[in-house]
Structures are given as C-alpha cells and as structure tokens.
C-alpha cells in the first residue's frame, strides 16, 4: 500500500510537470518579496534562460526598470488584496509591440497565510494582430465597395466635362487661349477617367475568373495609379526596376492586381510603423526579372522594404493568414517566397510562369 502511494505520488508529480510544461502559457512562482522561485520552460525560453536559473532572480534582472517596477506594484496589489488580479500589458521590445494577458493569484499555506504569487502570462500579440488585420481587411472591402460606387458616380459627370471641353476645343481657333485650356481640361479629364476605370475594375474584379495575357509592367503601373497618391502622402519613395522585355504571363488580371495591392499595402504599413515621418530608408522597391526554374521560364517580381519586418513569433500559419496571396499565386502555378528579418527588412517575391511555360506545365500534368 505504501509503495502504491509513493508510485501514485510520483506519477501525479510527473503528470503535473507534463501539463504545465506543455501549456501554451508562461507560468512562474514568486515569494512574498517578488523573488522568483520557479518557472516553466515556456517562460524560461522567453527570458532566454534555463528553468533552474530563475530561482533568486527578480523582474529587475530581466526587464527594463520601468516595466519591472510596474510588475512589482502588480505583485503588491495581489499580496495586499489577497485576490486574483488580471491585466493586459503592452510594451515594446526590439521595435515590436508585445501584448500579454497576465493572471496573478495569491498562494496560501494551510493556515490561509499568503506565502507567494502564482502567475500565468499568455502571449496575445499574434492573436490581436491577426484580429486587427482581419478587421482591416473587412474595412478595406467595405471601402472598396464604397469606392466603386463613388467611381460610378464620377464617371458620368467627368464624361460630360470631357465632351464639353472637346466641343470647346473644336470651336476654338488654333493657338488661342481657349483651345489651350480645352486641351488641358481634356487631358486631365482623361486622367481622372483612367483612374476611375482602374478603380472600378479593381473593385469588381473578384467576379471575373478568365485569364488573359498581361505584363508585369502593366499590372504594377495600374496598381501604382491607385496607390501612388497615398504612398507619396506617406513620404514613401518608389524604386522601380521592371525591364520592358520581360515575357508575358497568363493571369487573372484582377486577382494578381489584388496580390500586388496587398503586398504594397503591407509594405506601406511596415514602413509607416518604423518611420512615422519622412526618412531616407522609407523606400519600397519593386523589381522584376526573368528566371529559370526546373528548365522553365518564370517572371519573378519582388517587393522589398526596410520596414519592421515580420516578427519572429509569427508562425507559418500566421504568415499565411497575413499574406492571403498564397492561394491566388498557387492557383496560377506560381510561388510566393518570403525573406524577412524582424526590425530590418521584408522581401517578398511572386514567381509566375511565363506564357509559354503555362502550357508546357499543363501538358506535364
């Protein structure tokens, strides 16, 4: 019987250890003086130490003074009240905002005296960011619908303006001030009409499924017509290197536009996060080149920026959720690659088969 109790105790201890080491939370235990006595592997990894190295340390050994001071105050609230305390804590580390939801509960002995604090911290950063991105996508979709409606409303009056200017142009004598003004009105009116046309095409393109021959230069040019004003407003410089002799690609024009718009939007967000104002490194480079993979020709388009980069904690699933372009590119027989270092840069490449290769790849299948 005594042997059974001992084995049951050891089994119970091992089971508890297995549970707290595999929970997706950071667990720690402090005494009444806020000195660490124990932590699980998850918390130790976060502090870049081994679990056995936590004993005898305080928050001042691991965190900036202002954060450690706040944690100490939080501990005292738990000790004084004898009640559980929950808090959401946001702070910056390596140019990245981290969000933790922390629960601290008083630990009592058999007499009811508080002898320490048990804490659990859940990293909410990725979840909150993905929720924000989802909400942002929803807002962008609504704005797209609104923009399409506004664009349709603009179409009719701008056509009227161009037609009236054309009549004025036809009736004006050569070299006159009226003819010059009419010519300028038509030119600017055509520019507005072109932007409106691209806006309507982009907003309604989701329902168009057929693929057509297109050039990377044409796709990028159309997207920059729509996004260029906002990029200039944010002081983001565009560097283009798209050779004119690149082979054509067979694509759903609007879907690939959506991919490029998504990448430009993410680059803009990352650059604005790192450089809220004008900066010499606030640059978005868009490069295109012909490459050969597995004896087939492809067109590789790269979007390169020195913004915040992709945080190291974001999983492959999180990256796929952020860059919804994966599915579209895969459906085009292409590939999307990501090269990023947190806080330094992000380089995303879209690789699509050249027009001749599309048919060769289909024949292979």
Protein backbone atom coordinates (compact mmCIF):
# COMPACT_ATOMS: atom_id res chain seq x y z
CA UNK A 1 0.00 0.00 0.00
CA UNK A 2 2.84 2.38 0.91
CA UNK A 3 4.58 1.53 -2.39
CA UNK A 4 1.36 2.25 -4.30
CA UNK A 5 1.02 5.66 -2.62
CA UNK A 6 4.62 6.51 -3.46
CA UNK A 7 4.20 5.46 -7.12
CA UNK A 8 0.89 7.37 -7.34
CA UNK A 9 2.60 10.46 -5.94
CA UNK A 10 5.47 10.23 -8.43
CA UNK A 11 3.03 9.63 -11.30
CA UNK A 12 0.96 12.60 -10.18
CA UNK A 13 4.07 14.80 -9.97
CA UNK A 14 5.21 13.77 -13.44
CA UNK A 15 1.74 14.32 -14.85
CA UNK A 16 1.60 17.83 -13.37
CA UNK A 17 5.03 18.63 -14.78
CA UNK A 18 4.00 17.31 -18.20
CA UNK A 19 0.89 19.51 -18.11
CA UNK A 20 2.48 22.79 -17.07
CA UNK A 21 5.41 22.34 -19.47
CA UNK A 22 3.07 21.81 -22.43
CA UNK A 23 0.56 24.54 -21.65
CA UNK A 24 0.84 27.44 -24.14
CA UNK A 25 1.28 29.90 -21.25
CA UNK A 26 4.21 31.25 -19.28
CA UNK A 27 3.98 30.07 -15.67
CA UNK A 28 6.03 31.41 -12.75
CA UNK A 29 6.01 31.37 -8.97
CA UNK A 30 7.36 34.12 -6.69
CA UNK A 31 7.62 34.50 -2.93
CA UNK A 32 6.08 37.42 -1.00
CA UNK A 33 9.10 39.60 -1.81
CA UNK A 34 8.61 39.12 -5.59
CA UNK A 35 11.64 36.85 -5.85
CA UNK A 36 11.29 34.11 -8.45
CA UNK A 37 11.33 30.54 -7.14
CA UNK A 38 10.20 28.61 -10.19
CA UNK A 39 9.05 28.92 -13.84
CA UNK A 40 8.10 26.59 -16.65
CA UNK A 41 10.08 26.05 -19.85
CA UNK A 42 7.86 28.42 -21.83
CA UNK A 43 8.66 31.37 -19.55
CA UNK A 44 12.36 30.43 -19.35
CA UNK A 45 12.63 30.46 -23.16
CA UNK A 46 11.03 33.89 -23.23
CA UNK A 47 13.69 35.15 -20.77
CA UNK A 48 16.48 33.32 -22.69
CA UNK A 49 17.49 31.31 -19.62
CA UNK A 50 17.18 27.75 -18.29
CA UNK A 51 14.39 26.96 -15.81
CA UNK A 52 16.86 26.32 -12.97
CA UNK A 53 18.39 29.79 -13.42
CA UNK A 54 15.22 31.65 -12.42
CA UNK A 55 15.48 30.98 -8.65
CA UNK A 56 16.61 34.01 -6.66
CA UNK A 57 16.10 36.46 -9.54
CA UNK A 58 13.64 39.37 -9.70
CA UNK A 59 11.94 41.23 -12.55
CA UNK A 60 14.73 43.81 -12.39
CA UNK A 61 17.12 41.11 -13.65
CA UNK A 62 15.10 40.57 -16.85
CA UNK A 63 13.10 43.69 -17.70
CA UNK A 64 13.70 47.43 -18.09
CA UNK A 65 13.44 49.32 -14.80
CA UNK A 66 10.04 50.92 -15.53
CA UNK A 67 8.45 47.59 -16.50
CA UNK A 68 9.99 45.75 -13.52
CA UNK A 69 8.68 48.49 -11.23
CA UNK A 70 5.18 48.05 -12.63
CA UNK A 71 5.36 44.24 -12.18
CA UNK A 72 6.46 44.74 -8.56
CA UNK A 73 3.49 47.07 -7.98
CA UNK A 74 1.20 44.44 -9.55
CA UNK A 75 2.60 41.78 -7.13
CA UNK A 76 1.96 44.02 -4.13
CA UNK A 77 -1.67 44.52 -5.19
CA UNK A 78 -2.17 40.75 -5.21
CA UNK A 79 -0.48 40.31 -1.79
CA UNK A 80 -2.39 43.21 -0.23
CA UNK A 81 -5.84 42.26 -1.58
CA UNK A 82 -5.44 38.50 -1.37
CA UNK A 83 -7.40 38.37 -4.63
CA UNK A 84 -6.68 37.31 -8.18
CA UNK A 85 -5.63 40.16 -10.48
CA UNK A 86 -5.85 40.15 -14.28
CA UNK A 87 -4.08 42.65 -16.53
CA UNK A 88 -3.31 43.21 -20.17
CA UNK A 89 0.20 44.57 -20.61
CA UNK A 90 1.59 46.16 -23.77
CA UNK A 91 5.21 47.11 -24.22
CA UNK A 92 7.85 47.43 -26.91
CA UNK A 93 10.74 45.04 -27.35
CA UNK A 94 13.15 45.07 -30.31
CA UNK A 95 10.92 47.62 -32.11
CA UNK A 96 7.91 45.31 -31.78
CA UNK A 97 4.83 45.84 -29.63
CA UNK A 98 4.13 42.79 -27.46
CA UNK A 99 0.78 42.14 -25.80
CA UNK A 100 0.45 39.83 -22.78
CA UNK A 101 -2.59 38.90 -20.73
CA UNK A 102 -1.38 38.12 -17.22
CA UNK A 103 -3.18 36.47 -14.30
CA UNK A 104 -1.67 36.52 -10.80
CA UNK A 105 -3.17 34.71 -7.83
CA UNK A 106 -2.04 34.62 -4.19
CA UNK A 107 -0.66 31.29 -2.94
CA UNK A 108 -1.69 30.42 0.63
CA UNK A 109 -0.43 27.87 3.12
CA UNK A 110 -2.67 25.51 5.10
CA UNK A 111 -3.35 28.28 7.63
CA UNK A 112 -4.51 30.73 4.97
CA UNK A 113 -1.39 32.91 5.09
CA UNK A 114 -0.17 34.27 1.75
CA UNK A 115 3.27 32.86 1.03
CA UNK A 116 3.71 33.78 -2.62
CA UNK A 117 2.29 34.55 -6.03
CA UNK A 118 1.47 32.20 -8.89
CA UNK A 119 1.45 33.92 -12.28
CA UNK A 120 0.40 32.94 -15.78
CA UNK A 121 1.05 35.05 -18.88
CA UNK A 122 -0.49 34.38 -22.28
CA UNK A 123 1.11 35.97 -25.35
CA UNK A 124 -1.78 37.65 -27.19
CA UNK A 125 0.36 39.55 -29.69
CA UNK A 126 -0.25 37.38 -32.73
CA UNK A 127 -3.94 36.88 -31.96
CA UNK A 128 -4.58 40.62 -31.53
CA UNK A 129 -2.57 41.45 -34.66
CA UNK A 130 -4.42 38.89 -36.77
CA UNK A 131 -7.74 40.20 -35.46
CA UNK A 132 -6.67 43.72 -36.42
CA UNK A 133 -5.59 42.52 -39.86
CA UNK A 134 -8.92 40.74 -40.33
CA UNK A 135 -10.80 43.86 -39.25
CA UNK A 136 -8.61 45.95 -41.52
CA UNK A 137 -9.37 43.63 -44.47
CA UNK A 138 -13.09 43.92 -43.72
CA UNK A 139 -12.84 47.71 -43.67
CA UNK A 140 -10.86 47.68 -46.92
CA UNK A 141 -13.55 45.53 -48.55
CA UNK A 142 -16.24 47.98 -47.45
CA UNK A 143 -14.13 50.90 -48.65
CA UNK A 144 -13.67 49.10 -51.96
CA UNK A 145 -17.44 48.82 -52.39
CA UNK A 146 -17.84 52.48 -51.46
CA UNK A 147 -15.03 53.49 -53.82
CA UNK A 148 -16.63 51.55 -56.67
CA UNK A 149 -19.94 53.31 -56.04
CA UNK A 150 -18.28 56.72 -55.95
CA UNK A 151 -16.31 55.89 -59.10
CA UNK A 152 -19.51 55.07 -60.96
CA UNK A 153 -20.98 58.38 -59.82
CA UNK A 154 -17.90 60.25 -61.05
CA UNK A 155 -17.94 58.55 -64.45
CA UNK A 156 -20.96 60.35 -65.86
CA UNK A 157 -20.06 63.95 -64.95
CA UNK A 158 -16.41 63.54 -65.99
CA UNK A 159 -17.56 62.20 -69.37
CA UNK A 160 -19.75 65.30 -69.68
CA UNK A 161 -16.82 67.57 -68.81
CA UNK A 162 -14.60 65.90 -71.42
CA UNK A 163 -17.32 66.13 -74.10
CA UNK A 164 -17.93 69.83 -73.38
CA UNK A 165 -14.19 70.52 -73.48
CA UNK A 166 -13.98 68.68 -76.80
CA UNK A 167 -16.71 70.92 -78.26
CA UNK A 168 -14.82 73.99 -76.99
CA UNK A 169 -11.60 72.64 -78.48
CA UNK A 170 -13.23 72.08 -81.89
CA UNK A 171 -14.69 75.60 -81.97
CA UNK A 172 -11.56 77.41 -80.79
CA UNK A 173 -9.05 78.90 -83.18
CA UNK A 174 -5.56 77.44 -83.39
CA UNK A 175 -3.15 78.87 -80.81
CA UNK A 176 -5.89 80.60 -78.83
CA UNK A 177 -6.10 80.62 -75.03
CA UNK A 178 -9.47 78.80 -75.20
CA UNK A 179 -8.03 75.97 -77.28
CA UNK A 180 -5.12 75.56 -74.85
CA UNK A 181 -7.46 75.46 -71.83
CA UNK A 182 -9.82 72.99 -73.54
CA UNK A 183 -6.87 70.74 -74.38
CA UNK A 184 -5.68 70.77 -70.77
CA UNK A 185 -9.22 70.02 -69.49
CA UNK A 186 -9.48 67.01 -71.81
CA UNK A 187 -6.04 65.75 -70.73
CA UNK A 188 -6.83 65.99 -67.00
CA UNK A 189 -10.35 64.63 -67.57
CA UNK A 190 -8.94 61.60 -69.38
CA UNK A 191 -6.54 61.06 -66.47
CA UNK A 192 -9.44 61.09 -63.99
CA UNK A 193 -11.46 58.77 -66.22
CA UNK A 194 -8.49 56.38 -66.41
CA UNK A 195 -8.12 56.28 -62.61
CA UNK A 196 -11.87 55.77 -62.18
CA UNK A 197 -11.83 52.94 -64.73
CA UNK A 198 -8.97 51.16 -62.93
CA UNK A 199 -10.69 51.67 -59.58
CA UNK A 200 -13.94 50.12 -60.85
CA UNK A 201 -12.01 47.25 -62.46
CA UNK A 202 -10.09 46.56 -59.24
CA UNK A 203 -13.18 46.75 -57.01
CA UNK A 204 -15.28 44.47 -59.22
CA UNK A 205 -12.54 42.14 -60.40
CA UNK A 206 -13.26 39.36 -57.90
CA UNK A 207 -16.12 38.06 -60.04
CA UNK A 208 -14.02 37.84 -63.20
CA UNK A 209 -12.45 34.38 -63.50
CA UNK A 210 -10.93 34.27 -67.02
CA UNK A 211 -7.21 34.58 -67.54
CA UNK A 212 -5.60 36.87 -70.07
CA UNK A 213 -2.09 37.71 -71.28
CA UNK A 214 -0.59 40.53 -69.28
CA UNK A 215 2.75 42.12 -68.49
CA UNK A 216 4.14 42.75 -65.02
CA UNK A 217 4.79 46.36 -66.03
CA UNK A 218 1.09 46.83 -66.87
CA UNK A 219 -0.11 45.30 -63.58
CA UNK A 220 2.31 47.32 -61.43
CA UNK A 221 1.53 50.51 -63.34
CA UNK A 222 -2.21 50.10 -62.75
CA UNK A 223 -1.72 49.43 -59.03
CA UNK A 224 0.57 52.44 -58.57
CA UNK A 225 -2.04 54.59 -60.32
CA UNK A 226 -4.39 53.67 -57.47
CA UNK A 227 -1.92 53.53 -54.57
CA UNK A 228 0.65 56.11 -55.67
CA UNK A 229 -1.03 59.14 -54.13
CA UNK A 230 -1.24 57.51 -50.69
CA UNK A 231 2.38 56.35 -50.88
CA UNK A 232 3.54 59.85 -51.75
CA UNK A 233 1.43 61.27 -48.92
CA UNK A 234 3.23 58.91 -46.51
CA UNK A 235 6.61 60.06 -47.94
CA UNK A 236 7.31 56.54 -49.26
CA UNK A 237 9.60 56.60 -52.27
CA UNK A 238 9.08 54.03 -55.02
CA UNK A 239 12.03 52.44 -56.82
CA UNK A 240 11.01 50.54 -59.94
CA UNK A 241 13.20 48.18 -61.93
CA UNK A 242 10.95 46.38 -64.40
CA UNK A 243 12.60 45.64 -67.76
CA UNK A 244 10.38 46.19 -70.77
CA UNK A 245 11.38 42.91 -72.46
CA UNK A 246 10.02 40.54 -69.81
CA UNK A 247 7.87 37.68 -71.14
CA UNK A 248 4.10 37.95 -70.70
CA UNK A 249 2.18 35.92 -68.13
CA UNK A 250 -1.26 34.31 -68.31
CA UNK A 251 -3.20 35.54 -65.29
CA UNK A 252 -6.49 36.61 -63.86
CA UNK A 253 -5.55 40.28 -64.09
CA UNK A 254 -7.67 41.44 -61.14
CA UNK A 255 -6.50 38.62 -58.83
CA UNK A 256 -2.84 39.38 -59.44
CA UNK A 257 -3.64 43.08 -59.00
CA UNK A 258 -5.12 42.15 -55.63
CA UNK A 259 -1.94 40.24 -54.71
CA UNK A 260 0.28 43.20 -55.61
CA UNK A 261 -2.02 45.68 -53.87
CA UNK A 262 -1.93 43.52 -50.73
CA UNK A 263 1.89 43.43 -50.76
CA UNK A 264 2.15 47.19 -51.33
CA UNK A 265 -0.37 47.81 -48.54
CA UNK A 266 1.59 45.61 -46.11
CA UNK A 267 4.87 47.29 -47.10
CA UNK A 268 3.30 50.72 -46.58
CA UNK A 269 2.08 49.68 -43.12
CA UNK A 270 5.52 48.29 -42.13
CA UNK A 271 7.36 51.40 -43.35
CA UNK A 272 4.95 53.75 -41.56
CA UNK A 273 5.34 51.74 -38.35
CA UNK A 274 9.12 52.03 -38.45
CA UNK A 275 9.33 55.53 -39.92
CA UNK A 276 6.25 57.60 -38.92
CA UNK A 277 7.75 60.59 -40.75
CA UNK A 278 9.95 61.06 -43.81
CA UNK A 279 13.17 59.00 -43.81
CA UNK A 280 15.90 58.18 -46.33
CA UNK A 281 15.19 54.45 -45.90
CA UNK A 282 11.43 54.82 -46.37
CA UNK A 283 11.59 53.13 -49.75
CA UNK A 284 9.54 50.44 -51.46
CA UNK A 285 11.50 48.70 -54.21
CA UNK A 286 9.64 46.73 -56.87
CA UNK A 287 11.93 44.62 -59.04
CA UNK A 288 11.08 42.19 -61.81
CA UNK A 289 13.25 39.71 -63.70
CA UNK A 290 13.09 36.60 -65.85
CA UNK A 291 14.37 33.48 -64.11
CA UNK A 292 14.67 29.77 -64.94
CA UNK A 293 13.46 27.08 -62.58
CA UNK A 294 13.43 23.37 -63.43
CA UNK A 295 14.19 24.27 -67.07
CA UNK A 296 11.13 26.54 -67.32
CA UNK A 297 10.92 30.32 -67.64
CA UNK A 298 9.27 32.37 -64.90
CA UNK A 299 8.80 36.05 -64.14
CA UNK A 300 9.85 36.97 -60.61
CA UNK A 301 8.50 40.19 -59.06
CA UNK A 302 9.99 41.24 -55.72
CA UNK A 303 8.61 43.76 -53.23
CA UNK A 304 11.41 44.89 -50.92
CA UNK A 305 11.23 47.30 -47.98
CA UNK A 306 13.28 48.12 -44.87
CA UNK A 307 10.27 48.36 -42.56
CA UNK A 308 9.51 46.48 -39.35
CA UNK A 309 9.92 43.04 -40.90
CA UNK A 310 7.86 40.02 -39.93
CA UNK A 311 8.03 39.34 -36.16
CA UNK A 312 9.82 36.12 -35.28
CA UNK A 313 6.92 34.89 -33.14
CA UNK A 314 4.52 34.79 -36.10
CA UNK A 315 4.11 31.17 -37.17
CA UNK A 316 3.85 29.86 -40.73
CA UNK A 317 0.08 29.77 -40.20
CA UNK A 318 0.15 33.39 -39.10
CA UNK A 319 2.15 34.43 -42.15
CA UNK A 320 -0.31 32.62 -44.42
CA UNK A 321 -3.18 34.39 -42.70
CA UNK A 322 -1.48 37.75 -43.18
CA UNK A 323 -0.49 37.18 -46.77
CA UNK A 324 -3.73 35.91 -48.26
CA UNK A 325 -1.98 35.99 -51.64
CA UNK A 326 -0.66 32.43 -51.20
CA UNK A 327 -3.80 30.79 -52.59
CA UNK A 328 -4.07 33.08 -55.62
CA UNK A 329 -0.42 32.60 -56.58
CA UNK A 330 -0.66 28.81 -56.16
CA UNK A 331 -3.73 28.72 -58.39
CA UNK A 332 -1.66 30.44 -61.09
CA UNK A 333 1.01 27.72 -60.92
CA UNK A 334 3.33 30.15 -59.18
CA UNK A 335 5.21 30.51 -55.95
CA UNK A 336 5.36 33.11 -53.16
CA UNK A 337 8.57 33.37 -51.14
CA UNK A 338 9.22 35.43 -48.02
CA UNK A 339 12.60 36.55 -46.72
CA UNK A 340 12.42 38.75 -43.63
CA UNK A 341 14.38 39.74 -40.54
CA UNK A 342 12.36 41.32 -37.75
CA UNK A 343 13.09 45.02 -37.40
CA UNK A 344 15.22 45.14 -40.56
CA UNK A 345 13.51 44.23 -43.82
CA UNK A 346 10.95 42.16 -45.72
CA UNK A 347 11.46 40.80 -49.21
CA UNK A 348 8.50 39.05 -50.81
CA UNK A 349 8.73 37.54 -54.29
CA UNK A 350 5.89 36.47 -56.57
CA UNK A 351 7.10 33.93 -59.15
CA UNK A 352 4.71 33.27 -62.04
CA UNK A 353 5.24 31.07 -65.11
CA UNK A 354 5.86 32.83 -68.42
CA UNK A 355 3.11 32.44 -71.02
CA UNK A 356 4.80 29.62 -72.96
CA UNK A 357 5.63 27.76 -69.77
CA UNK A 358 1.99 27.77 -68.62
CA UNK A 359 1.06 25.42 -71.44
CA UNK A 360 4.16 23.26 -71.01
CA UNK A 361 3.46 22.85 -67.29
CA UNK A 362 -0.17 21.95 -68.02
CA UNK A 363 0.96 19.30 -70.53
CA UNK A 364 3.29 17.80 -67.91
CA UNK A 365 0.34 17.40 -65.51
